[in-house]
Amino acid sequence: MKSPSLVLALALLTVSQLSPAIAATSTLTVALNAQNGSGESGTATLTQAGADVKVVIALKGAPATAQPAHIHDGTCASIKGVAYPLSNVAGGSSTTTVKGVTIDKLLAGTYAINVHESAADLGKYVACGDIVAK
């Protein structure tokens, strides 16, 4: 007669082999919508790169001058403080590697990607997108 704990262990092992593994999110595209009549819109593509996330911003209608960008706590409707700084957007593009974060961590929280008009006018937002699962 088999012991109950051996039967339970075999049952759990069988179930664990049948259950599909939950895959980590490898890429996510965030729509960046124009804010304050800026006419600037586009995307931010997040790609998992090991323990880091690569963020590529592409904006249409953006000026050649540098525009600060960040991942903020909160949503576009209720922006809070900067959670992760990003490289300035210049000529409509920016690429940043955010160290020590995963896309799934960002999805588990409440975050938005925000582009500001300029370093001199951080209070004016020109594009924003909430980081949410599609």
C-alpha atoms as a PDB file:
ATOM      1  CA  MET A   1       0.000   0.000   0.000  1.00  0.00           C
ATOM      2  CA  LYS A   2       1.351   3.406  -0.975  1.00  0.00           C
ATOM      3  CA  SER A   3       1.542   6.103   1.630  1.00  0.00           C
ATOM      4  CA  PRO A   4      -0.878   9.056   1.210  1.00  0.00           C
ATOM      5  CA  SER A   5       2.008  11.533   1.010  1.00  0.00           C
ATOM      6  CA  LEU A   6       3.637   9.614  -1.855  1.00  0.00           C
ATOM      7  CA  VAL A   7       0.346   9.559  -3.787  1.00  0.00           C
ATOM      8  CA  LEU A   8      -0.115  13.307  -3.183  1.00  0.00           C
ATOM      9  CA  ALA A   9       3.440  14.055  -4.305  1.00  0.00           C
ATOM     10  CA  LEU A  10       2.949  12.051  -7.515  1.00  0.00           C
ATOM     11  CA  ALA A  11      -0.373  13.792  -8.193  1.00  0.00           C
ATOM     12  CA  LEU A  12       1.177  17.257  -7.729  1.00  0.00           C
ATOM     13  CA  LEU A  13       4.089  16.357  -9.973  1.00  0.00           C
ATOM     14  CA  THR A  14       1.711  15.177 -12.699  1.00  0.00           C
ATOM     15  CA  VAL A  15      -0.407  18.337 -12.482  1.00  0.00           C
ATOM     16  CA  SER A  16       2.666  20.587 -12.565  1.00  0.00           C
ATOM     17  CA  GLN A  17       3.832  18.865 -15.757  1.00  0.00           C
ATOM     18  CA  LEU A  18       0.437  19.408 -17.402  1.00  0.00           C
ATOM     19  CA  SER A  19       0.063  23.081 -16.449  1.00  0.00           C
ATOM     20  CA  PRO A  20       1.468  25.508 -19.014  1.00  0.00           C
ATOM     21  CA  ALA A  21       4.153  27.814 -17.736  1.00  0.00           C
ATOM     22  CA  ILE A  22       3.123  31.433 -17.484  1.00  0.00           C
ATOM     23  CA  ALA A  23       5.333  33.276 -19.933  1.00  0.00           C
ATOM     24  CA  ALA A  24       6.774  36.639 -19.041  1.00  0.00           C
ATOM     25  CA  THR A  25       5.763  39.526 -21.278  1.00  0.00           C
ATOM     26  CA  SER A  26       8.525  40.026 -23.840  1.00  0.00           C
ATOM     27  CA  THR A  27       7.227  43.101 -25.663  1.00  0.00           C
ATOM     28  CA  LEU A  28       4.502  45.701 -25.234  1.00  0.00           C
ATOM     29  CA  THR A  29       3.489  48.671 -27.357  1.00  0.00           C
ATOM     30  CA  VAL A  30       2.025  51.702 -25.589  1.00  0.00           C
ATOM     31  CA  ALA A  31       0.056  54.226 -27.649  1.00  0.00           C
ATOM     32  CA  LEU A  32       1.211  57.782 -26.918  1.00  0.00           C
ATOM     33  CA  ASN A  33      -1.640  60.225 -27.450  1.00  0.00           C
ATOM     34  CA  ALA A  34      -1.271  63.956 -28.076  1.00  0.00           C
ATOM     35  CA  GLN A  35      -1.772  66.176 -25.026  1.00  0.00           C
ATOM     36  CA  ASN A  36      -2.569  69.886 -24.762  1.00  0.00           C
ATOM     37  CA  GLY A  37      -3.052  70.344 -28.517  1.00  0.00           C
ATOM     38  CA  SER A  38       0.563  69.373 -29.256  1.00  0.00           C
ATOM     39  CA  GLY A  39      -0.171  67.294 -32.342  1.00  0.00           C
ATOM     40  CA  GLU A  40       2.502  64.853 -31.142  1.00  0.00           C
ATOM     41  CA  SER A  41       1.503  61.187 -31.029  1.00  0.00           C
ATOM     42  CA  GLY A  42       3.121  57.820 -31.554  1.00  0.00           C
ATOM     43  CA  THR A  43       4.238  54.758 -29.664  1.00  0.00           C
ATOM     44  CA  ALA A  44       6.552  53.543 -26.963  1.00  0.00           C
ATOM     45  CA  THR A  45       7.735  49.990 -27.543  1.00  0.00           C
ATOM     46  CA  LEU A  46       8.889  48.147 -24.432  1.00  0.00           C
ATOM     47  CA  THR A  47      11.091  45.101 -24.942  1.00  0.00           C
ATOM     48  CA  GLN A  48      12.331  42.848 -22.156  1.00  0.00           C
ATOM     49  CA  ALA A  49      16.129  42.519 -22.338  1.00  0.00           C
ATOM     50  CA  GLY A  50      17.182  40.173 -19.552  1.00  0.00           C
ATOM     51  CA  ALA A  51      16.578  41.978 -16.254  1.00  0.00           C
ATOM     52  CA  ASP A  52      16.084  45.328 -18.011  1.00  0.00           C
ATOM     53  CA  VAL A  53      13.478  46.945 -20.274  1.00  0.00           C
ATOM     54  CA  LYS A  54      14.379  48.735 -23.498  1.00  0.00           C
ATOM     55  CA  VAL A  55      11.984  51.634 -24.190  1.00  0.00           C
ATOM     56  CA  VAL A  56      11.866  53.015 -27.751  1.00  0.00           C
ATOM     57  CA  ILE A  57       9.726  56.125 -28.243  1.00  0.00           C
ATOM     58  CA  ALA A  58       8.646  57.170 -31.746  1.00  0.00           C
ATOM     59  CA  LEU A  59       6.603  60.385 -32.040  1.00  0.00           C
ATOM     60  CA  LYS A  60       5.144  62.021 -35.131  1.00  0.00           C
ATOM     61  CA  GLY A  61       4.941  65.808 -35.154  1.00  0.00           C
ATOM     62  CA  ALA A  62       7.727  66.244 -32.584  1.00  0.00           C
ATOM     63  CA  PRO A  63      10.288  69.059 -32.834  1.00  0.00           C
ATOM     64  CA  ALA A  64      14.014  68.497 -33.321  1.00  0.00           C
ATOM     65  CA  THR A  65      14.703  69.944 -29.858  1.00  0.00           C
ATOM     66  CA  ALA A  66      15.009  67.729 -26.782  1.00  0.00           C
ATOM     67  CA  GLN A  67      11.849  66.846 -24.883  1.00  0.00           C
ATOM     68  CA  PRO A  68      12.150  65.109 -21.492  1.00  0.00           C
ATOM     69  CA  ALA A  69      10.368  61.761 -21.128  1.00  0.00           C
ATOM     70  CA  HIS A  70       9.673  59.585 -18.109  1.00  0.00           C
ATOM     71  CA  ILE A  71       7.760  56.609 -16.842  1.00  0.00           C
ATOM     72  CA  HIS A  72       5.536  58.139 -14.154  1.00  0.00           C
ATOM     73  CA  ASP A  73       3.541  56.595 -11.356  1.00  0.00           C
ATOM     74  CA  GLY A  74      -0.176  56.974 -12.059  1.00  0.00           C
ATOM     75  CA  THR A  75      -2.119  57.307 -15.294  1.00  0.00           C
ATOM     76  CA  CYS A  76      -2.269  59.984 -17.968  1.00  0.00           C
ATOM     77  CA  ALA A  77      -5.444  61.227 -16.285  1.00  0.00           C
ATOM     78  CA  SER A  78      -3.693  61.409 -12.913  1.00  0.00           C
ATOM     79  CA  ILE A  79       0.097  61.723 -13.338  1.00  0.00           C
ATOM     80  CA  LYS A  80       2.210  61.404 -10.214  1.00  0.00           C
ATOM     81  CA  GLY A  81       5.972  61.441  -9.669  1.00  0.00           C
ATOM     82  CA  VAL A  82       8.690  60.091 -11.933  1.00  0.00           C
ATOM     83  CA  ALA A  83       9.258  56.387 -11.433  1.00  0.00           C
ATOM     84  CA  TYR A  84      11.914  55.894 -14.144  1.00  0.00           C
ATOM     85  CA  PRO A  85      13.655  58.598 -16.181  1.00  0.00           C
ATOM     86  CA  LEU A  86      13.952  58.052 -19.934  1.00  0.00           C
ATOM     87  CA  SER A  87      16.292  59.599 -22.488  1.00  0.00           C
ATOM     88  CA  ASN A  88      15.070  62.849 -24.018  1.00  0.00           C
ATOM     89  CA  VAL A  89      12.996  62.583 -27.167  1.00  0.00           C
ATOM     90  CA  ALA A  90      14.746  64.465 -29.986  1.00  0.00           C
ATOM     91  CA  GLY A  91      13.410  64.627 -33.510  1.00  0.00           C
ATOM     92  CA  GLY A  92      10.645  62.294 -32.420  1.00  0.00           C
ATOM     93  CA  SER A  93      12.770  59.426 -31.143  1.00  0.00           C
ATOM     94  CA  SER A  94      14.346  58.159 -27.962  1.00  0.00           C
ATOM     95  CA  THR A  95      15.841  54.865 -26.787  1.00  0.00           C
ATOM     96  CA  THR A  96      16.471  54.036 -23.123  1.00  0.00           C
ATOM     97  CA  THR A  97      17.372  50.893 -21.205  1.00  0.00           C
ATOM     98  CA  VAL A  98      15.661  50.929 -17.814  1.00  0.00           C
ATOM     99  CA  LYS A  99      17.737  48.790 -15.463  1.00  0.00           C
ATOM    100  CA  GLY A 100      16.322  46.247 -13.038  1.00  0.00           C
ATOM    101  CA  VAL A 101      12.664  46.302 -14.059  1.00  0.00           C
ATOM    102  CA  THR A 102      10.408  43.968 -16.020  1.00  0.00           C
ATOM    103  CA  ILE A 103       7.461  44.680 -18.265  1.00  0.00           C
ATOM    104  CA  ASP A 104       5.371  42.486 -15.983  1.00  0.00           C
ATOM    105  CA  LYS A 105       6.318  44.641 -12.986  1.00  0.00           C
ATOM    106  CA  LEU A 106       5.189  47.726 -14.889  1.00  0.00           C
ATOM    107  CA  LEU A 107       1.939  46.003 -15.869  1.00  0.00           C
ATOM    108  CA  ALA A 108       1.321  44.978 -12.262  1.00  0.00           C
ATOM    109  CA  GLY A 109       1.459  48.618 -11.142  1.00  0.00           C
ATOM    110  CA  THR A 110      -0.080  51.843 -12.397  1.00  0.00           C
ATOM    111  CA  TYR A 111       2.328  53.641 -14.726  1.00  0.00           C
ATOM    112  CA  ALA A 112       2.249  55.989 -17.712  1.00  0.00           C
ATOM    113  CA  ILE A 113       4.866  57.152 -20.210  1.00  0.00           C
ATOM    114  CA  ASN A 114       4.847  60.926 -20.483  1.00  0.00           C
ATOM    115  CA  VAL A 115       6.692  63.312 -22.813  1.00  0.00           C
ATOM    116  CA  HIS A 116       7.108  66.942 -21.696  1.00  0.00           C
ATOM    117  CA  GLU A 117       7.296  69.971 -23.977  1.00  0.00           C
ATOM    118  CA  SER A 118      10.797  70.937 -22.819  1.00  0.00           C
ATOM    119  CA  ALA A 119      13.117  70.999 -19.827  1.00  0.00           C
ATOM    120  CA  ALA A 120      12.046  74.623 -19.326  1.00  0.00           C
ATOM    121  CA  ASP A 121       8.342  73.652 -19.337  1.00  0.00           C
ATOM    122  CA  LEU A 122       8.044  70.285 -17.588  1.00  0.00           C
ATOM    123  CA  GLY A 123       4.474  71.111 -16.576  1.00  0.00           C
ATOM    124  CA  LYS A 124       3.243  70.986 -20.156  1.00  0.00           C
ATOM    125  CA  TYR A 125       2.722  67.446 -21.421  1.00  0.00           C
ATOM    126  CA  VAL A 126       2.801  66.814 -25.169  1.00  0.00           C
ATOM    127  CA  ALA A 127       2.182  63.045 -25.293  1.00  0.00           C
ATOM    128  CA  CYS A 128       1.153  60.372 -22.831  1.00  0.00           C
ATOM    129  CA  GLY A 129       0.210  56.688 -22.747  1.00  0.00           C
ATOM    130  CA  ASP A 130      -0.868  54.377 -19.932  1.00  0.00           C
ATOM    131  CA  ILE A 131       1.123  51.153 -19.570  1.00  0.00           C
ATOM    132  CA  VAL A 132      -1.596  48.507 -19.731  1.00  0.00           C
ATOM    133  CA  ALA A 133      -1.877  44.975 -21.094  1.00  0.00           C
ATOM    134  CA  LYS A 134      -3.372  44.724 -24.562  1.00  0.00           C
END
